[in-house]
Amino acid sequence: MQPIFDELAARADGVEIVLLGWNKGVALPPAVLAPLRAKLKARGVSLDGMDTGAACRTFNLLVGESRRVAALLMPA
């Protein structure tokens, strides 16, 4: 997954928000999210983690607002 985040961080003009969706009830450890969030934040990109269903709904809402958003989704 790290190469994907590296690519997103390198494209400062690409996305402004990255949604990370994973299985409901499973929390990714802060040790995993913190370095990724910091790297993206340095490029002006926010990282939001949530369950996959919420990430899909949020993605659709943000696209409807013409926001530059990317979603990395794992099966629910």
N, C-alpha and C. Protein backbone atom coordinates (compact mmCIF):
# COMPACT_ATOMS: atom_id res chain seq x y z
N MET A 1 0.82 -1.19 0.00
CA MET A 1 0.00 0.00 0.00
C MET A 1 0.87 1.26 0.00
N GLN A 2 2.07 1.20 0.50
CA GLN A 2 2.95 2.37 0.58
C GLN A 2 3.20 3.02 -0.79
N PRO A 3 3.45 2.26 -1.87
CA PRO A 3 3.65 2.90 -3.17
C PRO A 3 2.46 3.74 -3.61
N ILE A 4 1.25 3.32 -3.27
CA ILE A 4 0.07 4.09 -3.63
C ILE A 4 0.08 5.43 -2.92
N PHE A 5 0.40 5.43 -1.63
CA PHE A 5 0.44 6.68 -0.88
C PHE A 5 1.57 7.57 -1.35
N ASP A 6 2.70 6.98 -1.72
CA ASP A 6 3.81 7.77 -2.25
C ASP A 6 3.40 8.48 -3.53
N GLU A 7 2.69 7.78 -4.40
CA GLU A 7 2.22 8.37 -5.66
C GLU A 7 1.23 9.50 -5.40
N LEU A 8 0.30 9.30 -4.48
CA LEU A 8 -0.67 10.34 -4.17
C LEU A 8 0.01 11.57 -3.56
N ALA A 9 0.99 11.34 -2.71
CA ALA A 9 1.70 12.46 -2.07
C ALA A 9 2.52 13.23 -3.09
N ALA A 10 3.02 12.56 -4.11
CA ALA A 10 3.84 13.22 -5.12
C ALA A 10 3.01 14.09 -6.06
N ARG A 11 1.73 13.84 -6.15
CA ARG A 11 0.85 14.58 -7.06
C ARG A 11 0.12 15.67 -6.29
N ALA A 12 0.82 16.72 -5.97
CA ALA A 12 0.24 17.79 -5.16
C ALA A 12 -0.94 18.46 -5.86
N ASP A 13 -0.97 18.46 -7.18
CA ASP A 13 -2.07 19.09 -7.90
C ASP A 13 -3.20 18.10 -8.19
N GLY A 14 -3.03 16.86 -7.78
CA GLY A 14 -4.01 15.82 -8.08
C GLY A 14 -5.19 15.82 -7.14
N VAL A 15 -5.08 15.17 -6.02
CA VAL A 15 -6.19 15.03 -5.09
C VAL A 15 -5.97 15.92 -3.86
N GLU A 16 -7.08 16.29 -3.24
CA GLU A 16 -6.99 17.06 -2.00
C GLU A 16 -7.41 16.22 -0.80
N ILE A 17 -8.16 15.14 -1.07
CA ILE A 17 -8.64 14.27 0.01
C ILE A 17 -8.47 12.82 -0.42
N VAL A 18 -7.94 11.99 0.47
CA VAL A 18 -7.85 10.55 0.24
C VAL A 18 -8.71 9.87 1.29
N LEU A 19 -9.64 9.06 0.84
CA LEU A 19 -10.48 8.28 1.74
C LEU A 19 -9.95 6.85 1.78
N LEU A 20 -9.75 6.34 2.96
CA LEU A 20 -9.27 4.97 3.13
C LEU A 20 -10.38 4.18 3.80
N GLY A 21 -10.95 3.23 3.07
CA GLY A 21 -12.04 2.41 3.60
C GLY A 21 -11.58 1.00 3.89
N TRP A 22 -11.97 0.48 5.05
CA TRP A 22 -11.62 -0.90 5.41
C TRP A 22 -12.80 -1.55 6.12
N ASN A 23 -12.64 -2.80 6.50
CA ASN A 23 -13.72 -3.58 7.11
C ASN A 23 -14.32 -2.89 8.32
N LYS A 24 -15.64 -2.91 8.39
CA LYS A 24 -16.35 -2.31 9.52
C LYS A 24 -15.93 -3.01 10.81
N GLY A 25 -15.67 -2.22 11.82
CA GLY A 25 -15.29 -2.77 13.12
C GLY A 25 -13.81 -3.06 13.27
N VAL A 26 -13.05 -2.89 12.21
CA VAL A 26 -11.61 -3.13 12.27
C VAL A 26 -10.90 -1.77 12.20
N ALA A 27 -10.15 -1.45 13.20
CA ALA A 27 -9.45 -0.16 13.23
C ALA A 27 -7.99 -0.37 12.81
N LEU A 28 -7.53 0.49 11.92
CA LEU A 28 -6.11 0.45 11.57
C LEU A 28 -5.34 1.13 12.69
N PRO A 29 -4.22 0.56 13.08
CA PRO A 29 -3.46 1.13 14.19
C PRO A 29 -2.92 2.52 13.85
N PRO A 30 -2.90 3.42 14.84
CA PRO A 30 -2.34 4.75 14.61
C PRO A 30 -0.90 4.71 14.07
N ALA A 31 -0.16 3.67 14.42
CA ALA A 31 1.21 3.55 13.92
C ALA A 31 1.24 3.39 12.40
N VAL A 32 0.15 2.90 11.82
CA VAL A 32 0.05 2.76 10.37
C VAL A 32 -0.43 4.07 9.75
N LEU A 33 -1.48 4.65 10.32
CA LEU A 33 -2.09 5.85 9.74
C LEU A 33 -1.26 7.12 9.95
N ALA A 34 -0.64 7.28 11.10
CA ALA A 34 0.05 8.54 11.42
C ALA A 34 1.13 8.91 10.40
N PRO A 35 2.04 8.00 10.04
CA PRO A 35 3.07 8.38 9.07
C PRO A 35 2.49 8.71 7.69
N LEU A 36 1.47 7.96 7.28
CA LEU A 36 0.84 8.22 5.99
C LEU A 36 0.14 9.57 6.01
N ARG A 37 -0.59 9.83 7.07
CA ARG A 37 -1.30 11.10 7.20
C ARG A 37 -0.31 12.27 7.20
N ALA A 38 0.80 12.14 7.90
CA ALA A 38 1.79 13.21 7.96
C ALA A 38 2.43 13.47 6.59
N LYS A 39 2.72 12.41 5.88
CA LYS A 39 3.35 12.55 4.57
C LYS A 39 2.41 13.24 3.58
N LEU A 40 1.14 12.84 3.61
CA LEU A 40 0.17 13.46 2.71
C LEU A 40 -0.13 14.90 3.13
N LYS A 41 -0.22 15.14 4.44
CA LYS A 41 -0.50 16.49 4.93
C LYS A 41 0.58 17.47 4.50
N ALA A 42 1.82 17.02 4.46
CA ALA A 42 2.92 17.87 4.02
C ALA A 42 2.73 18.34 2.58
N ARG A 43 1.94 17.60 1.82
CA ARG A 43 1.65 17.95 0.42
C ARG A 43 0.27 18.59 0.27
N GLY A 44 -0.39 18.86 1.40
CA GLY A 44 -1.69 19.50 1.34
C GLY A 44 -2.84 18.55 1.05
N VAL A 45 -2.62 17.27 1.32
CA VAL A 45 -3.65 16.25 1.07
C VAL A 45 -4.08 15.68 2.41
N SER A 46 -5.39 15.61 2.64
CA SER A 46 -5.87 15.03 3.90
C SER A 46 -6.20 13.55 3.70
N LEU A 47 -6.01 12.77 4.75
CA LEU A 47 -6.31 11.34 4.74
C LEU A 47 -7.37 11.08 5.79
N ASP A 48 -8.48 10.50 5.37
CA ASP A 48 -9.55 10.15 6.29
C ASP A 48 -9.83 8.67 6.19
N GLY A 49 -9.80 7.98 7.32
CA GLY A 49 -10.07 6.56 7.37
C GLY A 49 -11.43 6.27 7.96
N MET A 50 -12.12 5.30 7.39
CA MET A 50 -13.46 4.92 7.86
C MET A 50 -13.80 3.55 7.29
N ASP A 51 -14.96 3.01 7.69
CA ASP A 51 -15.32 1.72 7.10
C ASP A 51 -15.66 1.91 5.62
N THR A 52 -15.62 0.83 4.87
CA THR A 52 -15.75 0.90 3.41
C THR A 52 -17.07 1.51 2.95
N GLY A 53 -18.16 1.16 3.57
CA GLY A 53 -19.45 1.72 3.18
C GLY A 53 -19.48 3.23 3.35
N ALA A 54 -18.99 3.71 4.48
CA ALA A 54 -18.95 5.15 4.73
C ALA A 54 -18.01 5.84 3.74
N ALA A 55 -16.91 5.19 3.42
CA ALA A 55 -15.97 5.78 2.45
C ALA A 55 -16.61 5.91 1.07
N CYS A 56 -17.40 4.92 0.67
CA CYS A 56 -18.10 5.00 -0.63
C CYS A 56 -19.11 6.14 -0.64
N ARG A 57 -19.88 6.26 0.43
CA ARG A 57 -20.87 7.34 0.50
C ARG A 57 -20.19 8.71 0.51
N THR A 58 -19.11 8.82 1.28
CA THR A 58 -18.39 10.09 1.36
C THR A 58 -17.76 10.44 0.03
N PHE A 59 -17.21 9.43 -0.65
CA PHE A 59 -16.62 9.66 -1.97
C PHE A 59 -17.66 10.23 -2.93
N ASN A 60 -18.84 9.60 -2.98
CA ASN A 60 -19.89 10.07 -3.88
C ASN A 60 -20.32 11.49 -3.55
N LEU A 61 -20.43 11.81 -2.29
CA LEU A 61 -20.80 13.16 -1.87
C LEU A 61 -19.75 14.18 -2.31
N LEU A 62 -18.48 13.86 -2.08
CA LEU A 62 -17.41 14.79 -2.44
C LEU A 62 -17.27 14.97 -3.95
N VAL A 63 -17.45 13.89 -4.71
CA VAL A 63 -17.42 14.00 -6.16
C VAL A 63 -18.56 14.89 -6.64
N GLY A 64 -19.73 14.75 -6.00
CA GLY A 64 -20.87 15.58 -6.34
C GLY A 64 -20.62 17.06 -6.08
N GLU A 65 -19.69 17.34 -5.17
CA GLU A 65 -19.30 18.72 -4.87
C GLU A 65 -18.09 19.16 -5.71
N SER A 66 -17.72 18.34 -6.68
CA SER A 66 -16.57 18.62 -7.56
C SER A 66 -15.26 18.74 -6.80
N ARG A 67 -15.12 17.96 -5.73
CA ARG A 67 -13.87 17.94 -4.97
C ARG A 67 -12.91 16.95 -5.62
N ARG A 68 -11.63 17.17 -5.45
CA ARG A 68 -10.61 16.25 -5.97
C ARG A 68 -10.36 15.20 -4.89
N VAL A 69 -10.95 14.05 -5.08
CA VAL A 69 -10.91 13.01 -4.06
C VAL A 69 -10.49 11.69 -4.67
N ALA A 70 -9.78 10.89 -3.87
CA ALA A 70 -9.41 9.53 -4.25
C ALA A 70 -9.85 8.61 -3.11
N ALA A 71 -10.20 7.39 -3.46
CA ALA A 71 -10.61 6.41 -2.45
C ALA A 71 -9.82 5.13 -2.63
N LEU A 72 -9.31 4.63 -1.54
CA LEU A 72 -8.65 3.33 -1.50
C LEU A 72 -9.54 2.46 -0.64
N LEU A 73 -10.20 1.50 -1.28
CA LEU A 73 -11.24 0.72 -0.61
C LEU A 73 -10.88 -0.76 -0.49
N MET A 74 -11.08 -1.30 0.68
CA MET A 74 -10.88 -2.72 0.90
C MET A 74 -12.28 -3.35 1.07
N PRO A 75 -12.46 -4.58 0.65
CA PRO A 75 -13.79 -5.21 0.76
C PRO A 75 -14.33 -5.16 2.17
N ALA A 76 -15.62 -4.90 2.27
CA ALA A 76 -16.26 -4.84 3.59
C ALA A 76 -16.62 -6.23 4.06
